[in-house]
Amino acid sequence: MKDTVAKDKVSFRAINKLAIPAIIAGIAEPLISLTDIAVIGNVDKNPVEALAAAGIVGSFLSAIIWIVAQTKTAISAIISQHFGAKRLHAVKTLVPQAIALNFLLSMVIYGITAFFARSIFGAYNAEGLILRYSVEYYQIRAIGYPLTLVTFALFGVFRGLQNTLWAMKASLTGAVLNVVLDYMLVYGIEGFIPPLHLKGAAFASLASQLIMLLIALYFFFTRTPFSLKLHLRINPKIRDLLFMSFNLFIRTAALNFAIYLANAYATGYGKNYIAAQSMLMNIWLFFSFFIDGYANAGNAISGRLLGERNYRRLWYLSVDISKYAISIAVILMVVCGTFYNSIGEIFNKDPMVLAFFTSVFWIVLLMQPVNAVAFMFDGIFKGLGEAVYLRNVLLAATFLGFTPTLLIADHFNLKLYGIWMAFMVWMLIRASALVIKFRNKYLRAAGKTDAA
């Protein structure tokens, strides 16, 4: 019996071959944002306002990128399923068409959002110096939309081919470059580079995004069977790609509505609250991307197993990958719990900001095992092409869970506590709904396969 189970399982080594590079690649983007707020939050001139602006802009950038980058997930799912079925030839023309779609979409988004930047960040309740900093910072960083979205599309191709190492190399290089350039451009180098303050962080991020794209293109042209040659005849799978992407767009829009609402309320409470919220949110996102490495492995492998129609291995994959992700979540909790009072000082030295941060950070840590389960099944469901169900779960979690909890908490003046209580409810709904659906559908499918 044990031999049969072992045979049906995807090995720990095979999972980690995808997961570890995906973790490193995944944390690069939030690491860029964390570096920005750590450097910006310690400048001599208006550090609280600069930190608040970086947090608001980072939240909006993430929202836009997550929404339109869902084509990456759709590409990965379609390619991995064709990879498992040994039919990659059927999607050769799809890849350049999907990348071109990402590029055109990013140009439209850049043009609209850069023009209306003041109105957009005014909707976050930003005003005065925070609003001015937000607009200046965003209008530089937004130039990187086309770079980032094309890079993400290429990463989706790599993941579909069961390779996350190439994305890791590109992301890691970009993250290291961003750290170096942040210090050089924000603080300046006496006699060589004048201190550029918040604009320096934006230019550093832009340069990092360009380098990541160039490295990704190198691997795309030299290591994959695809090209960027566009064919006038539309690939039949473009319809599946657009349908999956559209549903994931809606899902991610709901996700980012929750993040927007949290930041808008925090900004309304005052500059110290939004500064603390910026720190909490960026750490939460960093943890999420860290854990998401195993979700990316689940995304790639589940798509392949679906292509092979191997439901038994799919079930064992879900169990094992959740255990690994929860273990990482617990390690993060223990490490951050050990250094609980000193973590906030990395990002800002203001006593009031730090007091708000430490009073709520424990909720962020407590959420991590729940996040791990939700992210794991998110990744697996994306690989299986279950975009409609993922959309419905996020809509329910956001509008029936998160939003009512936040409004009730705000009524009782709970402020940052209320925001993170709402996030806890949000993640509990997401995790439970995905686990129940997976058990009911795919465990049953595994049982039918055994019976056959």
Protein backbone atom coordinates (compact mmCIF):
# COMPACT_ATOMS: atom_id res chain seq x y z
CA MET A 1 0.00 0.00 0.00
CA LYS A 2 2.81 2.42 0.93
CA ASP A 3 4.60 1.59 -2.32
CA THR A 4 1.43 2.40 -4.29
CA VAL A 5 1.00 5.73 -2.48
CA ALA A 6 4.65 6.61 -3.02
CA LYS A 7 4.33 5.80 -6.70
CA ASP A 8 1.27 8.05 -7.04
CA LYS A 9 2.87 11.00 -5.26
CA VAL A 10 4.78 13.80 -6.96
CA SER A 11 8.15 13.66 -5.22
CA PHE A 12 9.33 16.28 -2.75
CA ARG A 13 12.30 16.90 -5.04
CA ALA A 14 10.09 17.44 -8.10
CA ILE A 15 7.87 19.90 -6.23
CA ASN A 16 10.82 21.83 -4.82
CA LYS A 17 12.53 21.94 -8.20
CA LEU A 18 9.67 24.24 -9.21
CA ALA A 19 8.77 25.75 -5.83
CA ILE A 20 12.15 27.02 -4.60
CA PRO A 21 13.01 29.03 -7.73
CA ALA A 22 9.38 30.23 -7.79
CA ILE A 23 9.68 31.44 -4.17
CA ILE A 24 12.83 33.41 -5.01
CA ALA A 25 11.25 34.78 -8.21
CA GLY A 26 7.98 35.54 -6.43
CA ILE A 27 9.50 37.56 -3.59
CA ALA A 28 11.54 39.74 -5.97
CA GLU A 29 8.61 42.06 -6.82
CA PRO A 30 7.48 42.64 -3.20
CA LEU A 31 11.17 42.87 -2.22
CA ILE A 32 11.48 45.82 -4.61
CA SER A 33 8.53 47.50 -2.88
CA LEU A 34 9.87 46.63 0.60
CA THR A 35 13.27 48.08 -0.32
CA ASP A 36 11.57 51.23 -1.57
CA ILE A 37 9.63 51.78 1.66
CA ALA A 38 12.64 50.86 3.86
CA VAL A 39 14.86 53.39 2.08
CA ILE A 40 12.17 56.04 1.66
CA GLY A 41 10.92 55.68 5.23
CA ASN A 42 14.36 56.66 6.52
CA VAL A 43 15.02 59.78 4.43
CA ASP A 44 15.68 63.03 6.30
CA LYS A 45 13.03 65.06 4.46
CA ASN A 46 9.36 64.26 5.22
CA PRO A 47 9.87 60.50 5.84
CA VAL A 48 6.30 59.78 7.02
CA GLU A 49 4.71 61.53 4.01
CA ALA A 50 7.14 59.84 1.61
CA LEU A 51 6.47 56.43 3.17
CA ALA A 52 2.71 56.98 2.99
CA ALA A 53 2.96 57.95 -0.71
CA ALA A 54 5.13 54.93 -1.54
CA GLY A 55 2.64 52.66 0.22
CA ILE A 56 -0.39 54.10 -1.59
CA VAL A 57 1.30 53.96 -5.00
CA GLY A 58 2.68 50.48 -4.34
CA SER A 59 -0.82 49.29 -3.50
CA PHE A 60 -2.27 50.76 -6.70
CA LEU A 61 0.58 49.43 -8.85
CA SER A 62 0.10 45.96 -7.41
CA ALA A 63 -3.63 46.19 -8.04
CA ILE A 64 -3.20 47.06 -11.72
CA ILE A 65 -0.38 44.58 -12.34
CA TRP A 66 -2.20 41.71 -10.60
CA ILE A 67 -5.36 42.35 -12.60
CA VAL A 68 -3.82 42.51 -16.07
CA ALA A 69 -1.07 39.98 -15.35
CA GLN A 70 -3.67 37.23 -14.99
CA THR A 71 -2.87 36.36 -18.59
CA LYS A 72 0.36 34.95 -17.12
CA THR A 73 -1.65 32.45 -15.11
CA ALA A 74 -3.89 31.65 -18.07
CA ILE A 75 -0.87 31.12 -20.36
CA SER A 76 0.77 28.90 -17.76
CA ALA A 77 -2.36 26.78 -17.31
CA ILE A 78 -2.90 26.27 -21.06
CA ILE A 79 0.76 25.49 -21.80
CA SER A 80 1.12 23.12 -18.84
CA GLN A 81 -2.00 21.19 -19.90
CA HIS A 82 -0.66 20.90 -23.47
CA PHE A 83 2.75 19.97 -22.09
CA GLY A 84 1.18 17.11 -20.11
CA ALA A 85 -0.79 15.99 -23.19
CA LYS A 86 2.40 16.29 -25.35
CA ARG A 87 0.70 18.79 -27.71
CA LEU A 88 2.85 21.95 -27.40
CA HIS A 89 2.74 22.41 -31.16
CA ALA A 90 -0.92 23.44 -30.81
CA VAL A 91 -0.04 26.57 -28.81
CA LYS A 92 3.04 27.83 -30.68
CA THR A 93 1.17 30.73 -32.29
CA LEU A 94 -0.77 31.45 -29.08
CA VAL A 95 2.29 32.57 -27.11
CA PRO A 96 3.32 35.62 -29.24
CA GLN A 97 -0.34 36.64 -29.55
CA ALA A 98 -0.76 36.55 -25.76
CA ILE A 99 2.45 38.55 -25.21
CA ALA A 100 1.37 41.16 -27.78
CA LEU A 101 -2.00 41.41 -26.02
CA ASN A 102 -0.25 42.09 -22.70
CA PHE A 103 1.90 44.79 -24.26
CA LEU A 104 -0.98 46.64 -25.91
CA LEU A 105 -3.10 46.45 -22.75
CA SER A 106 -0.25 47.83 -20.65
CA MET A 107 0.21 50.81 -22.97
CA VAL A 108 -3.48 51.70 -22.71
CA ILE A 109 -3.41 51.41 -18.90
CA TYR A 110 -0.26 53.54 -18.67
CA GLY A 111 -1.75 56.31 -20.81
CA ILE A 112 -5.00 56.48 -18.85
CA THR A 113 -3.64 56.16 -15.30
CA ALA A 114 -0.66 58.51 -15.77
CA PHE A 115 -3.05 61.23 -17.05
CA PHE A 116 -5.53 60.77 -14.19
CA ALA A 117 -2.93 60.08 -11.45
CA ARG A 118 -3.99 63.03 -9.27
CA SER A 119 -7.64 61.95 -9.31
CA ILE A 120 -6.73 58.29 -8.68
CA PHE A 121 -4.68 58.99 -5.56
CA GLY A 122 -7.14 61.60 -4.38
CA ALA A 123 -9.63 58.70 -4.25
CA TYR A 124 -7.29 57.08 -1.72
CA ASN A 125 -7.90 60.13 0.51
CA ALA A 126 -4.35 61.38 -0.20
CA GLU A 127 -3.97 65.15 -0.06
CA GLY A 128 -1.30 67.85 0.24
CA LEU A 129 2.29 66.63 0.26
CA ILE A 130 1.28 62.94 0.26
CA LEU A 131 -0.76 63.48 -2.90
CA ARG A 132 2.05 65.38 -4.64
CA TYR A 133 4.60 62.70 -3.75
CA SER A 134 2.20 59.96 -4.89
CA VAL A 135 1.69 61.53 -8.33
CA GLU A 136 5.42 62.16 -8.88
CA TYR A 137 6.38 58.64 -7.81
CA TYR A 138 3.64 56.94 -9.82
CA GLN A 139 4.20 58.77 -13.11
CA ILE A 140 7.76 57.45 -13.22
CA ARG A 141 7.06 53.91 -11.99
CA ALA A 142 4.07 53.48 -14.31
CA ILE A 143 6.42 53.68 -17.33
CA GLY A 144 7.42 50.16 -16.30
CA TYR A 145 3.95 48.67 -16.97
CA PRO A 146 4.83 47.34 -20.45
CA LEU A 147 8.14 45.98 -19.15
CA THR A 148 6.54 44.20 -16.20
CA LEU A 149 3.53 42.75 -18.03
CA VAL A 150 5.56 41.35 -20.91
CA THR A 151 8.00 39.88 -18.38
CA PHE A 152 5.14 38.25 -16.47
CA ALA A 153 3.75 36.76 -19.68
CA LEU A 154 7.17 35.23 -20.38
CA PHE A 155 7.28 33.88 -16.82
CA GLY A 156 3.90 32.23 -17.47
CA VAL A 157 5.37 30.49 -20.52
CA PHE A 158 8.33 29.25 -18.47
CA ARG A 159 6.07 27.93 -15.69
CA GLY A 160 3.88 26.13 -18.22
CA LEU A 161 7.02 24.38 -19.47
CA GLN A 162 7.61 23.22 -15.85
CA ASN A 163 10.54 25.60 -15.35
CA THR A 164 10.66 28.35 -12.71
CA LEU A 165 14.47 28.65 -12.63
CA TRP A 166 14.64 31.12 -15.54
CA ALA A 167 12.11 33.45 -13.90
CA MET A 168 14.08 33.20 -10.65
CA LYS A 169 17.31 34.32 -12.31
CA ALA A 170 15.62 37.29 -13.95
CA SER A 171 13.74 38.34 -10.81
CA LEU A 172 16.68 37.92 -8.45
CA THR A 173 18.93 40.02 -10.68
CA GLY A 174 16.29 42.74 -10.84
CA ALA A 175 15.77 42.73 -7.07
CA VAL A 176 19.51 43.00 -6.28
CA LEU A 177 19.92 45.82 -8.81
CA ASN A 178 16.95 47.63 -7.25
CA VAL A 179 18.51 47.53 -3.77
CA VAL A 180 21.79 48.99 -5.04
CA LEU A 181 20.13 51.68 -7.15
CA ASP A 182 17.70 52.62 -4.36
CA TYR A 183 20.54 53.62 -2.05
CA MET A 184 22.46 55.37 -4.84
CA LEU A 185 19.54 57.37 -6.25
CA VAL A 186 17.44 58.12 -3.14
CA TYR A 187 20.33 59.25 -0.91
CA GLY A 188 22.67 60.24 -3.75
CA ILE A 189 26.46 59.93 -4.01
CA GLU A 190 28.27 63.11 -3.01
CA GLY A 191 29.97 64.70 -5.99
CA PHE A 192 28.38 62.27 -8.49
CA ILE A 193 24.60 61.82 -8.06
CA PRO A 194 22.32 64.33 -6.30
CA PRO A 195 19.79 62.80 -3.85
CA LEU A 196 16.55 62.25 -5.77
CA HIS A 197 14.38 61.33 -2.75
CA LEU A 198 11.18 59.48 -3.79
CA LYS A 199 11.88 59.93 -7.53
CA GLY A 200 15.15 58.02 -7.07
CA ALA A 201 13.26 54.96 -5.81
CA ALA A 202 10.96 55.13 -8.85
CA PHE A 203 13.90 55.27 -11.29
CA ALA A 204 15.58 52.37 -9.46
CA SER A 205 12.45 50.23 -9.86
CA LEU A 206 12.18 51.14 -13.54
CA ALA A 207 15.77 50.09 -14.24
CA SER A 208 15.22 46.79 -12.42
CA GLN A 209 12.12 46.02 -14.47
CA LEU A 210 14.03 46.61 -17.72
CA ILE A 211 16.83 44.24 -16.71
CA MET A 212 14.31 41.54 -15.71
CA LEU A 213 12.65 41.79 -19.12
CA LEU A 214 15.94 41.51 -21.02
CA ILE A 215 16.97 38.40 -19.06
CA ALA A 216 13.53 36.82 -19.56
CA LEU A 217 13.74 37.47 -23.31
CA TYR A 218 17.16 35.80 -23.42
CA PHE A 219 15.77 32.58 -21.90
CA PHE A 220 12.65 32.76 -24.08
CA PHE A 221 14.63 32.91 -27.32
CA THR A 222 17.37 30.44 -26.35
CA ARG A 223 15.57 27.81 -24.21
CA THR A 224 11.93 27.54 -25.35
CA PRO A 225 10.36 26.19 -28.57
CA PHE A 226 8.43 29.44 -29.03
CA SER A 227 9.10 32.72 -30.83
CA LEU A 228 7.61 36.24 -30.94
CA LYS A 229 6.62 35.96 -34.60
CA LEU A 230 2.98 37.01 -34.90
CA HIS A 231 0.61 35.10 -37.18
CA LEU A 232 -2.46 36.79 -38.63
CA ARG A 233 -4.50 33.65 -38.05
CA ILE A 234 -5.76 33.70 -34.48
CA ASN A 235 -4.88 30.58 -32.49
CA PRO A 236 -8.05 28.62 -31.52
CA LYS A 237 -6.89 28.60 -27.89
CA ILE A 238 -6.98 32.40 -27.69
CA ARG A 239 -10.66 32.10 -26.80
CA ASP A 240 -9.83 29.89 -23.79
CA LEU A 241 -7.04 32.29 -22.84
CA LEU A 242 -9.32 35.34 -22.97
CA PHE A 243 -12.17 33.58 -21.12
CA MET A 244 -9.85 32.42 -18.33
CA SER A 245 -8.09 35.80 -18.21
CA PHE A 246 -11.41 37.71 -18.07
CA ASN A 247 -12.65 35.70 -15.10
CA LEU A 248 -9.29 36.07 -13.37
CA PHE A 249 -9.41 39.82 -14.11
CA ILE A 250 -12.72 40.06 -12.26
CA ARG A 251 -11.38 37.91 -9.44
CA THR A 252 -8.27 40.04 -9.05
CA ALA A 253 -10.28 43.26 -9.32
CA ALA A 254 -12.32 42.08 -6.32
CA LEU A 255 -9.11 41.19 -4.50
CA ASN A 256 -7.66 44.64 -5.13
CA PHE A 257 -10.91 46.35 -4.19
CA ALA A 258 -10.38 44.92 -0.71
CA ILE A 259 -6.81 46.24 -0.61
CA TYR A 260 -7.92 49.63 -1.96
CA LEU A 261 -10.68 49.89 0.64
CA ALA A 262 -8.22 49.02 3.44
CA ASN A 263 -5.74 51.69 2.31
CA ALA A 264 -8.43 54.30 1.72
CA TYR A 265 -9.76 53.83 5.27
CA ALA A 266 -6.23 53.85 6.73
CA THR A 267 -5.42 57.08 4.87
CA GLY A 268 -8.61 58.62 6.21
CA TYR A 269 -7.53 57.80 9.77
CA GLY A 270 -4.36 59.93 9.36
CA LYS A 271 -0.82 59.90 7.97
CA ASN A 272 0.59 57.76 10.81
CA TYR A 273 -2.08 55.12 10.21
CA ILE A 274 -1.46 54.89 6.45
CA ALA A 275 2.31 54.79 7.06
CA ALA A 276 1.84 51.84 9.47
CA GLN A 277 -0.65 50.24 7.06
CA SER A 278 1.90 50.57 4.22
CA MET A 279 4.42 48.64 6.30
CA LEU A 280 1.90 45.96 7.31
CA MET A 281 0.55 45.53 3.79
CA ASN A 282 3.97 45.28 2.16
CA ILE A 283 5.11 42.69 4.72
CA TRP A 284 1.85 40.76 4.18
CA LEU A 285 2.46 40.84 0.42
CA PHE A 286 6.06 39.73 0.90
CA PHE A 287 4.88 36.75 2.98
CA SER A 288 2.20 36.01 0.39
CA PHE A 289 4.64 35.90 -2.50
CA PHE A 290 7.04 33.84 -0.39
CA ILE A 291 4.40 31.19 0.30
CA ASP A 292 3.13 31.55 -3.26
CA GLY A 293 6.22 29.74 -4.56
CA TYR A 294 4.56 26.44 -3.69
CA ALA A 295 1.33 27.68 -5.23
CA ASN A 296 3.24 28.31 -8.46
CA ALA A 297 4.59 24.77 -8.32
CA GLY A 298 1.04 23.51 -7.74
CA ASN A 299 -0.13 25.62 -10.68
CA ALA A 300 2.40 24.10 -13.08
CA ILE A 301 2.15 20.49 -11.89
CA SER A 302 -1.66 20.41 -11.55
CA GLY A 303 -2.06 21.61 -15.13
CA ARG A 304 0.26 18.87 -16.32
CA LEU A 305 -1.55 16.20 -14.26
CA LEU A 306 -4.90 17.39 -15.62
CA GLY A 307 -3.49 17.01 -19.13
CA GLU A 308 -2.46 13.47 -18.17
CA ARG A 309 -5.86 12.91 -16.43
CA ASN A 310 -4.00 11.64 -13.37
CA TYR A 311 -6.46 12.66 -10.61
CA ARG A 312 -4.96 10.45 -7.92
CA ARG A 313 -1.57 12.14 -8.18
CA LEU A 314 -3.38 15.49 -8.23
CA TRP A 315 -5.03 14.72 -4.88
CA TYR A 316 -1.74 13.69 -3.25
CA LEU A 317 -0.12 16.81 -4.70
CA SER A 318 -2.69 19.04 -2.97
CA VAL A 319 -2.06 17.37 0.40
CA ASP A 320 1.72 17.49 0.22
CA ILE A 321 2.03 20.99 -1.19
CA SER A 322 -0.29 22.37 1.51
CA LYS A 323 1.88 20.77 4.23
CA TYR A 324 5.01 22.39 2.79
CA ALA A 325 3.35 25.81 2.52
CA ILE A 326 1.96 25.68 6.07
CA SER A 327 5.43 24.75 7.33
CA ILE A 328 6.89 27.84 5.67
CA ALA A 329 4.09 29.97 7.14
CA VAL A 330 4.87 28.70 10.65
CA ILE A 331 8.59 29.40 10.17
CA LEU A 332 7.78 32.97 9.09
CA MET A 333 5.57 33.39 12.16
CA VAL A 334 8.29 32.15 14.52
CA VAL A 335 11.04 34.29 12.98
CA CYS A 336 8.93 37.45 12.97
CA GLY A 337 7.61 36.70 16.44
CA THR A 338 11.20 36.48 17.72
CA PHE A 339 12.09 39.89 16.28
CA TYR A 340 8.60 41.34 16.72
CA ASN A 341 9.55 44.75 18.18
CA SER A 342 12.49 45.45 15.88
CA ILE A 343 11.00 44.64 12.45
CA GLY A 344 9.08 47.92 12.17
CA GLU A 345 12.25 49.95 12.83
CA ILE A 346 13.67 48.71 9.52
CA PHE A 347 11.07 50.79 7.69
CA ASN A 348 10.48 53.85 9.86
CA LYS A 349 11.66 55.39 13.14
CA ASP A 350 8.61 57.50 13.98
CA PRO A 351 7.38 56.38 17.48
CA MET A 352 3.69 56.81 16.63
CA VAL A 353 3.96 54.85 13.37
CA LEU A 354 5.86 52.07 15.15
CA ALA A 355 3.26 51.94 17.94
CA PHE A 356 0.44 51.45 15.43
CA PHE A 357 2.50 48.86 13.55
CA THR A 358 3.39 46.68 16.56
CA SER A 359 -0.15 46.82 17.94
CA VAL A 360 -1.54 45.09 14.83
CA PHE A 361 1.37 43.06 13.38
CA TRP A 362 0.38 39.98 15.41
CA ILE A 363 -2.83 39.65 13.34
CA VAL A 364 -0.76 39.56 10.13
CA LEU A 365 1.35 36.76 11.61
CA LEU A 366 -1.67 34.81 12.87
CA MET A 367 -3.15 34.77 9.34
CA GLN A 368 -0.19 33.04 7.70
CA PRO A 369 -1.29 29.34 7.95
CA VAL A 370 -4.74 30.29 6.62
CA ASN A 371 -3.07 32.25 3.81
CA ALA A 372 -0.91 29.23 3.00
CA VAL A 373 -3.92 26.97 2.42
CA ALA A 374 -5.77 29.61 0.39
CA PHE A 375 -2.76 30.37 -1.81
CA MET A 376 -2.01 26.69 -2.41
CA PHE A 377 -5.46 25.92 -3.69
CA ASP A 378 -5.54 29.21 -5.62
CA GLY A 379 -2.49 28.02 -7.53
CA ILE A 380 -3.84 24.52 -8.10
CA PHE A 381 -7.24 25.79 -9.27
CA LYS A 382 -5.54 28.18 -11.71
CA GLY A 383 -3.55 25.28 -13.16
CA LEU A 384 -6.79 23.33 -13.54
CA GLY A 385 -8.42 26.23 -15.38
CA GLU A 386 -11.09 26.73 -12.68
CA ALA A 387 -11.24 30.48 -13.30
CA VAL A 388 -15.02 30.82 -12.86
CA TYR A 389 -15.01 29.26 -9.40
CA LEU A 390 -12.00 31.35 -8.32
CA ARG A 391 -13.86 34.46 -9.50
CA ASN A 392 -16.99 33.57 -7.52
CA VAL A 393 -15.03 32.79 -4.35
CA LEU A 394 -13.24 36.15 -4.43
CA LEU A 395 -16.45 38.06 -5.09
CA ALA A 396 -18.14 36.34 -2.14
CA ALA A 397 -15.15 36.77 0.17
CA THR A 398 -14.79 40.47 -0.71
CA PHE A 399 -18.41 41.63 -0.72
CA LEU A 400 -19.95 39.24 1.80
CA GLY A 401 -16.98 38.90 4.14
CA PHE A 402 -14.32 41.60 3.95
CA THR A 403 -16.45 44.68 3.24
CA PRO A 404 -19.16 44.11 5.88
CA THR A 405 -16.51 43.28 8.51
CA LEU A 406 -14.56 46.46 7.68
CA LEU A 407 -17.68 48.65 7.82
CA ILE A 408 -18.75 47.20 11.17
CA ALA A 409 -15.22 47.57 12.57
CA ASP A 410 -15.04 51.17 11.35
CA HIS A 411 -18.37 51.90 13.06
CA PHE A 412 -16.81 50.78 16.34
CA ASN A 413 -13.66 52.85 15.62
CA LEU A 414 -11.32 49.84 15.55
CA LYS A 415 -9.18 51.43 12.81
CA LEU A 416 -6.15 49.24 11.89
CA TYR A 417 -7.47 46.40 14.06
CA GLY A 418 -10.70 46.43 12.06
CA ILE A 419 -8.86 46.45 8.73
CA TRP A 420 -6.86 43.35 9.60
CA MET A 421 -9.84 41.58 11.20
CA ALA A 422 -11.56 42.06 7.84
CA PHE A 423 -8.56 40.54 6.05
CA MET A 424 -8.68 37.55 8.40
CA VAL A 425 -12.37 36.92 7.58
CA TRP A 426 -11.54 37.36 3.88
CA MET A 427 -8.81 34.70 3.91
CA LEU A 428 -10.86 32.23 5.97
CA ILE A 429 -13.67 32.34 3.39
CA ARG A 430 -11.23 31.89 0.50
CA ALA A 431 -9.40 28.96 2.07
CA SER A 432 -12.48 27.04 3.20
CA ALA A 433 -14.37 27.47 -0.10
CA LEU A 434 -11.43 26.18 -2.16
CA VAL A 435 -10.73 23.17 0.07
CA ILE A 436 -14.40 22.09 0.05
CA LYS A 437 -14.68 22.38 -3.73
CA PHE A 438 -11.44 20.50 -4.36
CA ARG A 439 -12.41 17.64 -2.07
CA ASN A 440 -15.87 17.32 -3.59
CA LYS A 441 -14.72 17.39 -7.21
CA TYR A 442 -11.19 16.06 -7.55
CA LEU A 443 -11.07 13.54 -4.70
CA ARG A 444 -14.23 12.04 -6.17
CA ALA A 445 -12.60 12.01 -9.64
CA ALA A 446 -9.59 10.21 -8.17
CA GLY A 447 -11.92 7.60 -6.65
CA LYS A 448 -13.68 7.05 -9.99
CA THR A 449 -10.33 6.59 -11.72
CA ASP A 450 -9.35 3.93 -9.18
CA ALA A 451 -12.70 2.16 -9.65
CA ALA A 452 -12.24 2.15 -13.40
